[in-house]
Each structure stands twice: as structure tokens, then as C-alpha cells.
Amino acid sequence: MSQAFYRRLCLLCFLLATAGFLAELSGHKIGGGFAHLDKVAHFAIFAVLAALLWKGFKLKALTAFIILGGYGGAIELVQDNFTRRNGDWWDLLADIAGVVSFYLVRALWHKIRPRSQR
């Protein structure tokens, strides 16, 4: 698929993630009692966003880390100050862990797989 496709998909995912993060939801009802499911969701969403940023825009890890870290921090500040939800800095840590994990897995993938097999 083309880089333009991944750019559009990335922007769509950013919009959907933002809507989801800012929705007036009760965290107690999400996940049916599974403790910290929201952290798992933050981790997964930010790993996917990192992958889409890389596929669509070919950003270096540090640039993606700054963009997604800033985005995650902004989401938590907005949640805390402008919605009935509370900003949670543990969510930001899960966000950052998702981004770092994507780039670590990507680096490992490139290290163990010869270029000719990619």
C-alpha cells in the first residue's frame, strides 16, 4: 500500500483516538472489571499510532516520540481540565511505553531478519 494511504489512515486513527480519549466515559464500566484495561488500551493505541506515523511519514524514533509524547500529555491535560474525566499520568506512561515498544520491536525485527527477506 502507498505511503499516502498510511498517512490518511494515521490521521483518521488520530481523530478516532482523540474522540475516544475525550469521550465522557466512566472508566469503571469499561473492560468489565479487568483492572487497568485502560492502560492496555493506551499502550496498544499508541503502538499503532507509532507504526502508522512511521509507515506514513517515515519519522525517526525521536521525532515520533516527541510528537506522540506531546499528544499523550495534551490528552491527559485536556481530560483533567475540560472533561469530567481525570487525567492520569499512568496513562501517559502507557502511551510512551507503546511508542517505545513499537520502535524496539521494529529494531529487533530489522536486526534478526536479513534485508533480502523483508
Protein backbone atom coordinates (compact mmCIF):
# COMPACT_ATOMS: atom_id res chain seq x y z
CA MET A 1 0.00 0.00 0.00
CA SER A 2 1.12 3.52 -0.68
CA GLN A 3 2.58 5.95 1.80
CA ALA A 4 -0.37 8.29 1.11
CA PHE A 5 -2.75 5.55 2.25
CA TYR A 6 -0.87 5.20 5.55
CA ARG A 7 -0.85 8.98 6.02
CA ARG A 8 -4.62 9.13 5.67
CA LEU A 9 -5.08 6.10 7.92
CA CYS A 10 -2.77 7.67 10.51
CA LEU A 11 -4.73 10.92 10.55
CA LEU A 12 -8.03 9.01 10.80
CA CYS A 13 -6.67 7.00 13.74
CA PHE A 14 -5.53 10.19 15.46
CA LEU A 15 -9.04 11.60 15.11
CA LEU A 16 -10.67 8.41 16.39
CA ALA A 17 -8.21 8.11 19.27
CA THR A 18 -8.79 11.73 20.26
CA ALA A 19 -12.56 11.26 20.21
CA GLY A 20 -12.22 8.11 22.31
CA PHE A 21 -9.84 9.64 24.82
CA LEU A 22 -12.03 12.70 25.31
CA ALA A 23 -15.38 10.92 25.38
CA GLU A 24 -17.30 11.25 28.63
CA LEU A 25 -16.93 7.61 29.64
CA SER A 26 -16.85 6.01 33.03
CA GLY A 27 -13.61 4.07 33.33
CA HIS A 28 -15.22 1.70 35.83
CA LYS A 29 -17.61 0.29 33.24
CA ILE A 30 -15.04 -0.22 30.52
CA GLY A 31 -13.48 -3.67 30.38
CA GLY A 32 -15.97 -5.47 32.54
CA GLY A 33 -13.88 -5.30 35.70
CA PHE A 34 -10.50 -6.09 34.14
CA ALA A 35 -8.10 -3.97 36.20
CA HIS A 36 -6.09 -1.43 34.22
CA LEU A 37 -7.60 -2.33 30.85
CA ASP A 38 -7.39 1.37 30.01
CA LYS A 39 -3.59 1.19 30.34
CA VAL A 40 -3.50 -1.76 27.93
CA ALA A 41 -5.69 0.23 25.52
CA HIS A 42 -3.40 3.28 25.77
CA PHE A 43 -0.34 1.09 25.15
CA ALA A 44 -1.91 -0.58 22.09
CA ILE A 45 -3.32 2.63 20.59
CA PHE A 46 0.00 4.43 20.85
CA ALA A 47 1.93 1.47 19.43
CA VAL A 48 -0.43 1.51 16.43
CA LEU A 49 -0.13 5.30 16.10
CA ALA A 50 3.68 4.98 16.17
CA ALA A 51 3.54 2.32 13.46
CA LEU A 52 1.25 4.44 11.30
CA LEU A 53 3.42 7.53 11.78
CA TRP A 54 6.42 5.50 10.70
CA LYS A 55 4.67 3.95 7.68
CA GLY A 56 3.01 7.16 6.58
CA PHE A 57 5.61 9.79 7.36
CA LYS A 58 8.88 7.84 7.87
CA LEU A 59 9.60 9.72 11.09
CA LYS A 60 12.65 8.93 13.13
CA ALA A 61 12.05 7.41 16.54
CA LEU A 62 12.89 10.58 18.48
CA THR A 63 10.56 12.71 16.36
CA ALA A 64 7.70 10.23 16.77
CA PHE A 65 8.42 10.01 20.49
CA ILE A 66 8.19 13.79 20.84
CA ILE A 67 5.01 14.05 18.77
CA LEU A 68 3.23 11.14 20.44
CA GLY A 69 4.50 12.00 23.92
CA GLY A 70 3.23 15.55 23.47
CA TYR A 71 -0.07 14.26 22.13
CA GLY A 72 -0.46 11.87 25.08
CA GLY A 73 0.39 14.60 27.57
CA ALA A 74 -2.05 17.00 25.92
CA ILE A 75 -4.82 14.40 26.05
CA GLU A 76 -4.27 13.89 29.79
CA LEU A 77 -4.25 17.65 30.45
CA VAL A 78 -7.44 18.16 28.45
CA GLN A 79 -9.12 15.23 30.22
CA ASP A 80 -8.18 16.64 33.59
CA ASN A 81 -9.17 20.24 32.90
CA PHE A 82 -12.00 20.19 30.37
CA THR A 83 -13.93 16.93 30.80
CA ARG A 84 -15.45 15.08 33.70
CA ARG A 85 -12.67 12.53 33.32
CA ASN A 86 -9.46 12.72 35.28
CA GLY A 87 -6.11 12.96 33.57
CA ASP A 88 -3.94 10.04 34.60
CA TRP A 89 -0.17 10.25 34.28
CA TRP A 90 -0.02 6.44 34.34
CA ASP A 91 -1.94 6.60 31.05
CA LEU A 92 0.83 8.82 29.67
CA LEU A 93 3.40 6.27 30.80
CA ALA A 94 1.43 3.55 28.98
CA ASP A 95 1.33 5.79 25.89
CA ILE A 96 5.09 6.26 25.93
CA ALA A 97 5.65 2.55 26.56
CA GLY A 98 3.57 1.75 23.46
CA VAL A 99 5.67 4.06 21.29
CA VAL A 100 8.97 2.78 22.67
CA SER A 101 7.81 -0.82 22.25
CA PHE A 102 6.97 -0.30 18.59
CA TYR A 103 10.43 1.08 17.85
CA LEU A 104 12.15 -1.64 19.89
CA VAL A 105 10.23 -4.40 18.10
CA ARG A 106 10.95 -2.73 14.76
CA ALA A 107 14.68 -2.52 15.55
CA LEU A 108 14.74 -6.13 16.67
CA TRP A 109 12.88 -7.19 13.52
CA HIS A 110 15.46 -5.46 11.33
CA LYS A 111 18.31 -6.95 13.32
CA ILE A 112 17.16 -10.58 13.14
CA ARG A 113 15.79 -10.52 9.59
CA PRO A 114 18.16 -10.05 6.69
CA ARG A 115 17.26 -7.20 4.35
CA SER A 116 16.61 -9.61 1.47
CA GLN A 117 13.78 -11.31 3.42
CA ARG A 118 11.82 -8.15 4.33
